[in-house]
N, C-alpha and C. Protein backbone atom coordinates (compact mmCIF):
# COMPACT_ATOMS: atom_id res chain seq x y z
N MET A 1 0.75 -1.35 0.02
CA MET A 1 0.11 -0.10 -0.07
C MET A 1 0.72 1.29 0.08
N SER A 2 2.06 1.28 0.87
CA SER A 2 2.81 2.48 0.82
C SER A 2 3.46 2.76 -0.44
N ARG A 3 3.59 1.69 -1.29
CA ARG A 3 4.16 1.72 -2.63
C ARG A 3 3.21 2.66 -3.43
N ASP A 4 1.89 2.35 -3.46
CA ASP A 4 0.94 3.14 -4.16
C ASP A 4 0.96 4.67 -3.80
N ILE A 5 1.01 4.90 -2.40
CA ILE A 5 0.95 6.20 -1.89
C ILE A 5 2.17 7.06 -2.40
N ASN A 6 3.29 6.34 -2.43
CA ASN A 6 4.65 6.93 -2.88
C ASN A 6 4.51 7.27 -4.35
N ASP A 7 3.93 6.33 -5.13
CA ASP A 7 3.88 6.49 -6.67
C ASP A 7 2.96 7.79 -6.88
N LEU A 8 1.70 7.95 -6.15
CA LEU A 8 0.98 9.01 -6.25
C LEU A 8 1.70 10.19 -5.91
N ARG A 9 2.52 10.28 -4.96
CA ARG A 9 3.27 11.50 -4.42
C ARG A 9 4.21 11.88 -5.49
N ASP A 10 4.93 10.82 -6.05
CA ASP A 10 5.90 10.98 -7.12
C ASP A 10 5.33 11.74 -8.42
N GLN A 11 4.16 11.04 -8.73
CA GLN A 11 3.40 11.74 -9.91
C GLN A 11 2.87 13.03 -9.65
N HIS A 12 2.48 13.30 -8.31
CA HIS A 12 1.99 14.74 -8.09
C HIS A 12 3.33 15.74 -8.19
N ALA A 13 4.45 15.33 -7.71
CA ALA A 13 5.70 16.14 -7.79
C ALA A 13 6.13 16.33 -9.20
N SER A 14 5.96 15.24 -9.99
CA SER A 14 6.32 15.44 -11.46
C SER A 14 5.40 16.46 -12.04
N ARG A 15 4.06 16.31 -11.90
CA ARG A 15 3.25 17.34 -12.36
C ARG A 15 3.36 18.78 -11.98
N ALA A 16 3.70 18.85 -10.66
CA ALA A 16 4.04 20.24 -10.14
C ALA A 16 5.32 20.78 -10.87
N ARG A 17 6.32 19.94 -11.06
CA ARG A 17 7.39 20.48 -11.74
C ARG A 17 7.19 20.98 -13.12
N ARG A 18 6.44 20.14 -13.81
CA ARG A 18 6.00 20.34 -15.13
C ARG A 18 5.16 21.51 -15.39
N ASP A 19 4.34 21.83 -14.48
CA ASP A 19 3.47 22.88 -14.46
C ASP A 19 4.12 24.22 -13.79
N GLY A 20 5.28 24.14 -13.36
CA GLY A 20 6.08 25.34 -12.81
C GLY A 20 5.70 25.40 -11.32
N GLY A 21 5.01 24.60 -10.68
CA GLY A 21 4.57 24.81 -9.23
C GLY A 21 5.75 24.55 -8.56
N ALA A 22 5.87 25.17 -7.37
CA ALA A 22 7.06 24.91 -6.33
C ALA A 22 6.63 23.85 -5.52
N ILE A 23 7.46 23.01 -5.29
CA ILE A 23 7.36 21.85 -4.27
C ILE A 23 8.51 21.84 -3.40
N VAL A 24 8.23 21.30 -2.27
CA VAL A 24 9.34 21.04 -1.26
C VAL A 24 9.90 19.65 -1.71
N ALA A 25 11.18 19.43 -1.25
CA ALA A 25 11.98 18.31 -1.76
C ALA A 25 11.07 17.07 -1.56
N PRO A 26 10.95 16.29 -2.51
CA PRO A 26 10.04 14.90 -2.29
C PRO A 26 10.66 14.11 -1.23
N ARG A 27 9.76 13.46 -0.44
CA ARG A 27 10.31 12.37 0.48
C ARG A 27 9.28 11.28 0.50
N ARG A 28 9.73 10.17 0.83
CA ARG A 28 9.11 8.93 0.93
C ARG A 28 8.27 8.87 2.32
N LEU A 29 7.05 8.27 2.27
CA LEU A 29 6.43 7.84 3.49
C LEU A 29 7.23 6.77 4.00
N THR A 30 7.44 6.85 5.36
CA THR A 30 8.07 5.69 6.02
C THR A 30 7.16 5.04 6.91
N ALA A 31 7.43 3.92 7.42
CA ALA A 31 6.60 3.13 8.40
C ALA A 31 6.74 3.97 9.67
N ARG A 32 7.80 4.65 9.98
CA ARG A 32 7.87 5.48 11.26
C ARG A 32 6.97 6.63 11.08
N SER A 33 6.87 7.41 10.08
CA SER A 33 6.02 8.55 9.93
C SER A 33 4.54 8.16 9.98
N VAL A 34 4.18 6.94 9.36
CA VAL A 34 2.77 6.40 9.42
C VAL A 34 2.45 6.07 10.83
N GLY A 35 3.38 5.40 11.40
CA GLY A 35 3.14 4.99 12.98
C GLY A 35 2.90 6.12 13.71
N VAL A 36 3.82 7.11 13.69
CA VAL A 36 3.68 8.36 14.56
C VAL A 36 2.27 9.02 14.22
N SER A 37 1.86 9.09 13.10
CA SER A 37 0.54 9.56 12.82
C SER A 37 -0.52 8.78 13.38
N LEU A 38 -0.56 7.47 13.39
CA LEU A 38 -1.56 6.57 13.86
C LEU A 38 -1.51 6.78 15.47
N LEU A 39 -0.35 6.85 16.09
CA LEU A 39 -0.27 6.94 17.36
C LEU A 39 -0.89 8.29 17.95
N LEU A 40 -0.61 9.41 17.30
CA LEU A 40 -1.35 10.67 17.52
C LEU A 40 -2.79 10.53 17.53
N ALA A 41 -3.22 9.91 16.30
CA ALA A 41 -4.62 9.80 16.11
C ALA A 41 -5.33 9.01 17.19
N CYS A 42 -4.64 7.85 17.81
CA CYS A 42 -5.22 7.06 18.81
C CYS A 42 -5.32 7.91 20.12
N ALA A 43 -4.38 8.76 20.29
CA ALA A 43 -4.28 9.77 21.54
C ALA A 43 -5.36 10.61 21.57
N VAL A 44 -5.60 11.11 20.30
CA VAL A 44 -6.78 12.16 20.27
C VAL A 44 -8.22 11.34 20.58
N LEU A 45 -8.31 10.20 19.85
CA LEU A 45 -9.44 9.40 20.04
C LEU A 45 -9.71 8.99 21.49
N ALA A 46 -8.54 8.59 22.11
CA ALA A 46 -8.72 8.28 23.65
C ALA A 46 -9.23 9.44 24.58
N ALA A 47 -8.51 10.56 24.30
CA ALA A 47 -8.98 11.75 24.99
C ALA A 47 -10.51 12.05 24.75
N HIS A 48 -10.93 11.97 23.51
CA HIS A 48 -12.20 12.24 23.25
C HIS A 48 -13.04 11.27 23.88
N ALA A 49 -12.77 9.95 23.77
CA ALA A 49 -13.66 8.94 24.49
C ALA A 49 -13.75 9.14 26.05
N GLN A 50 -12.97 9.65 26.66
CA GLN A 50 -12.91 9.94 28.10
C GLN A 50 -14.00 10.99 28.32
N GLY A 51 -14.08 12.00 27.49
CA GLY A 51 -15.07 12.98 27.63
C GLY A 51 -14.59 14.15 28.52
N VAL A 52 -15.22 15.25 28.37
CA VAL A 52 -14.79 16.38 29.37
C VAL A 52 -16.00 16.72 30.20
N ASN A 53 -15.72 16.72 31.48
CA ASN A 53 -16.84 16.92 32.40
C ASN A 53 -16.58 18.22 33.18
N GLU A 54 -17.63 18.77 33.72
CA GLU A 54 -17.52 19.97 34.57
C GLU A 54 -17.87 19.73 36.06
N GLY A 55 -17.15 20.49 36.90
CA GLY A 55 -17.44 20.33 38.26
C GLY A 55 -16.91 21.40 39.14
N GLU A 56 -17.11 21.25 40.43
CA GLU A 56 -16.60 22.36 41.30
C GLU A 56 -15.69 21.62 42.48
N VAL A 57 -14.56 22.17 42.57
CA VAL A 57 -13.64 21.66 43.61
C VAL A 57 -14.25 21.84 45.04
N ARG A 58 -14.45 20.89 45.77
CA ARG A 58 -14.83 20.89 47.10
C ARG A 58 -13.74 20.93 48.12
N ARG A 59 -12.67 20.02 47.84
CA ARG A 59 -11.52 19.93 48.65
C ARG A 59 -10.33 19.46 48.00
N VAL A 60 -9.10 19.96 48.49
CA VAL A 60 -7.96 19.37 47.91
C VAL A 60 -7.15 18.80 49.04
N ASP A 61 -6.74 17.62 48.86
CA ASP A 61 -5.84 16.93 49.85
C ASP A 61 -4.50 16.75 49.23
N THR A 62 -3.55 17.60 49.63
CA THR A 62 -2.32 17.59 49.00
C THR A 62 -1.43 16.34 49.55
N ALA A 63 -1.81 15.91 50.77
CA ALA A 63 -0.99 14.87 51.38
C ALA A 63 -1.34 13.58 50.71
N GLN A 64 -2.57 13.44 50.48
CA GLN A 64 -3.00 12.18 49.71
C GLN A 64 -3.18 12.15 48.23
N LYS A 65 -2.77 13.39 47.78
CA LYS A 65 -2.93 13.79 46.23
C LYS A 65 -4.28 13.34 45.77
N LYS A 66 -5.34 13.89 46.25
CA LYS A 66 -6.76 13.69 45.93
C LYS A 66 -7.39 15.05 45.76
N ILE A 67 -8.38 15.04 44.92
CA ILE A 67 -9.20 16.33 44.85
C ILE A 67 -10.66 15.78 44.81
N THR A 68 -11.50 16.37 45.69
CA THR A 68 -12.90 16.21 45.85
C THR A 68 -13.66 17.08 44.91
N LEU A 69 -14.64 16.40 44.10
CA LEU A 69 -15.30 17.40 43.05
C LEU A 69 -16.77 17.09 43.30
N LYS A 70 -17.64 18.16 43.13
CA LYS A 70 -18.98 18.15 43.00
C LYS A 70 -19.16 18.10 41.45
N HIS A 71 -19.78 17.05 40.79
CA HIS A 71 -19.76 17.09 39.53
C HIS A 71 -21.12 16.58 38.77
N GLY A 72 -21.28 16.65 37.67
CA GLY A 72 -22.36 16.11 36.88
C GLY A 72 -22.01 14.67 36.39
N GLU A 73 -22.85 14.13 35.64
CA GLU A 73 -22.76 12.74 35.23
C GLU A 73 -21.38 12.57 34.44
N ILE A 74 -20.83 11.51 34.89
CA ILE A 74 -19.46 11.19 34.20
C ILE A 74 -19.79 9.89 33.33
N LYS A 75 -20.11 10.23 31.89
CA LYS A 75 -20.80 9.17 31.16
C LYS A 75 -19.71 7.98 30.84
N ASN A 76 -18.42 8.23 30.73
CA ASN A 76 -17.48 7.19 30.45
C ASN A 76 -17.37 6.15 31.47
N LEU A 77 -17.53 6.61 32.78
CA LEU A 77 -17.40 5.90 33.95
C LEU A 77 -18.77 5.37 34.60
N ASP A 78 -19.88 5.79 33.90
CA ASP A 78 -21.21 5.39 34.26
C ASP A 78 -21.41 5.94 35.99
N ILE A 79 -20.99 7.16 36.18
CA ILE A 79 -21.28 7.69 37.50
C ILE A 79 -22.20 8.78 37.46
N PRO A 80 -23.29 8.79 38.32
CA PRO A 80 -24.33 9.93 38.22
C PRO A 80 -23.73 11.02 39.09
N PRO A 81 -24.59 12.29 38.83
CA PRO A 81 -23.98 13.48 39.49
C PRO A 81 -23.70 13.18 41.04
N THR A 82 -22.68 13.64 41.61
CA THR A 82 -22.29 13.40 43.02
C THR A 82 -21.22 14.19 43.54
N VAL A 83 -20.91 14.23 44.84
CA VAL A 83 -19.54 14.55 45.14
C VAL A 83 -18.63 13.39 45.50
N MET A 84 -17.61 13.43 45.04
CA MET A 84 -16.64 12.27 45.26
C MET A 84 -15.20 12.82 45.23
N ALA A 85 -14.23 12.05 45.92
CA ALA A 85 -12.76 12.21 45.62
C ALA A 85 -12.31 11.36 44.71
N PHE A 86 -11.36 11.98 43.99
CA PHE A 86 -10.48 11.21 42.90
C PHE A 86 -9.07 11.30 43.16
N SER A 87 -8.41 10.31 42.75
CA SER A 87 -6.94 10.44 42.82
C SER A 87 -6.63 11.25 41.54
N VAL A 88 -5.32 11.59 41.35
CA VAL A 88 -4.74 12.32 40.33
C VAL A 88 -3.65 11.55 39.55
N ARG A 89 -3.71 11.68 38.28
CA ARG A 89 -2.70 11.00 37.45
C ARG A 89 -1.30 11.59 37.77
N ASP A 90 -1.29 13.07 37.74
CA ASP A 90 -0.14 13.85 37.88
C ASP A 90 -0.11 14.64 39.32
N PRO A 91 0.71 14.31 40.22
CA PRO A 91 0.64 15.09 41.63
C PRO A 91 0.55 16.40 41.55
N ALA A 92 1.20 17.18 40.40
CA ALA A 92 1.10 18.42 40.28
C ALA A 92 -0.19 19.04 40.10
N MET A 93 -1.22 18.23 39.72
CA MET A 93 -2.59 18.64 39.54
C MET A 93 -3.13 19.35 40.80
N VAL A 94 -2.81 18.76 41.97
CA VAL A 94 -3.34 19.33 43.28
C VAL A 94 -2.90 20.72 43.52
N ASP A 95 -1.90 21.15 42.94
CA ASP A 95 -1.52 22.65 43.08
C ASP A 95 -2.04 23.49 42.13
N LYS A 96 -2.63 22.94 41.13
CA LYS A 96 -3.41 23.94 40.18
C LYS A 96 -4.71 24.39 40.53
N VAL A 97 -5.41 23.63 41.60
CA VAL A 97 -6.90 23.97 41.85
C VAL A 97 -6.96 24.30 43.44
N LYS A 98 -7.99 24.96 43.76
CA LYS A 98 -8.38 25.14 45.14
C LYS A 98 -9.88 25.08 45.34
N ALA A 99 -10.31 24.92 46.53
CA ALA A 99 -11.64 24.74 46.88
C ALA A 99 -12.45 26.00 46.31
N GLY A 100 -13.58 25.63 45.68
CA GLY A 100 -14.31 26.71 45.08
C GLY A 100 -14.30 26.90 43.62
N ASP A 101 -13.06 26.41 43.10
CA ASP A 101 -12.85 26.60 41.64
C ASP A 101 -13.71 25.75 40.87
N LYS A 102 -14.21 26.48 39.74
CA LYS A 102 -15.11 25.70 38.71
C LYS A 102 -13.96 25.08 37.75
N VAL A 103 -14.18 23.91 37.42
CA VAL A 103 -13.23 23.08 36.55
C VAL A 103 -13.75 22.30 35.51
N ARG A 104 -13.04 22.04 34.44
CA ARG A 104 -13.27 21.00 33.49
C ARG A 104 -12.31 19.92 33.79
N PHE A 105 -12.81 18.61 33.56
CA PHE A 105 -11.77 17.52 33.85
C PHE A 105 -12.19 16.33 33.05
N SER A 106 -11.12 15.43 32.95
CA SER A 106 -11.32 14.17 32.33
C SER A 106 -11.05 13.14 33.40
N ALA A 107 -11.76 12.03 33.46
CA ALA A 107 -11.54 11.03 34.54
C ALA A 107 -11.57 9.67 33.89
N ASP A 108 -10.80 8.84 34.43
CA ASP A 108 -10.91 7.44 34.08
C ASP A 108 -10.61 6.40 35.34
N LYS A 109 -10.78 5.19 35.06
CA LYS A 109 -10.49 4.19 36.13
C LYS A 109 -9.04 3.63 35.91
N VAL A 110 -8.08 4.06 36.71
CA VAL A 110 -6.73 3.65 36.63
C VAL A 110 -6.34 2.87 37.70
N GLY A 111 -5.82 1.66 37.44
CA GLY A 111 -5.52 0.73 38.65
C GLY A 111 -6.62 0.43 39.66
N GLY A 112 -7.86 0.61 39.22
CA GLY A 112 -8.91 0.34 40.11
C GLY A 112 -9.47 1.52 40.93
N ALA A 113 -8.78 2.63 40.67
CA ALA A 113 -9.13 3.94 41.26
C ALA A 113 -9.60 4.93 40.32
N TYR A 114 -10.79 5.71 40.65
CA TYR A 114 -11.25 6.70 39.90
C TYR A 114 -10.19 7.98 39.86
N THR A 115 -9.70 8.35 38.62
CA THR A 115 -8.58 9.14 38.62
C THR A 115 -8.78 10.28 37.59
N ILE A 116 -8.48 11.38 38.07
CA ILE A 116 -8.49 12.71 37.27
C ILE A 116 -7.35 12.63 36.22
N THR A 117 -7.61 12.57 34.96
CA THR A 117 -6.41 12.34 34.04
C THR A 117 -6.00 13.78 33.40
N ALA A 118 -6.86 14.73 33.59
CA ALA A 118 -6.68 16.20 33.08
C ALA A 118 -7.63 17.15 33.76
N ILE A 119 -7.21 18.18 34.12
CA ILE A 119 -8.01 19.27 34.84
C ILE A 119 -7.66 20.68 34.55
N GLU A 120 -8.65 21.42 34.39
CA GLU A 120 -8.37 22.91 34.16
C GLU A 120 -9.32 23.71 34.67
N VAL A 121 -8.87 24.94 35.38
CA VAL A 121 -9.79 25.89 36.07
C VAL A 121 -10.53 26.78 34.90
N VAL A 122 -11.81 26.68 35.05
CA VAL A 122 -12.76 27.45 34.08
C VAL A 122 -12.59 28.99 34.50
N LYS A 123 -12.30 29.86 33.74
CA LYS A 123 -12.21 31.20 34.03
C LYS A 123 -13.66 31.92 33.85
């Protein structure tokens, strides 16, 4: 399949040269460049699948590295609206928020624990 893609690219480059169009130096698609593209696409899809939720910080426990949130339904975890404590994927997250902050966050079940995977304060 990559041979067909490279043939098309070469045909396009030849046509651009013939028509006087400027092109960047031709390069072949490699397994590495295709792999990197697929990896990035998977990361974007995974982030989208987790969904973005909204909530309010009720408590920050820096010693235990947990954030307690009042939140709406978290569809990807099948959790109804409630107040609950979450572990954090990155310990630095507890320094980014304080009680009372309105936040957007993503959560997932990591190692059996409900975990905040991303969080940002809503201005």
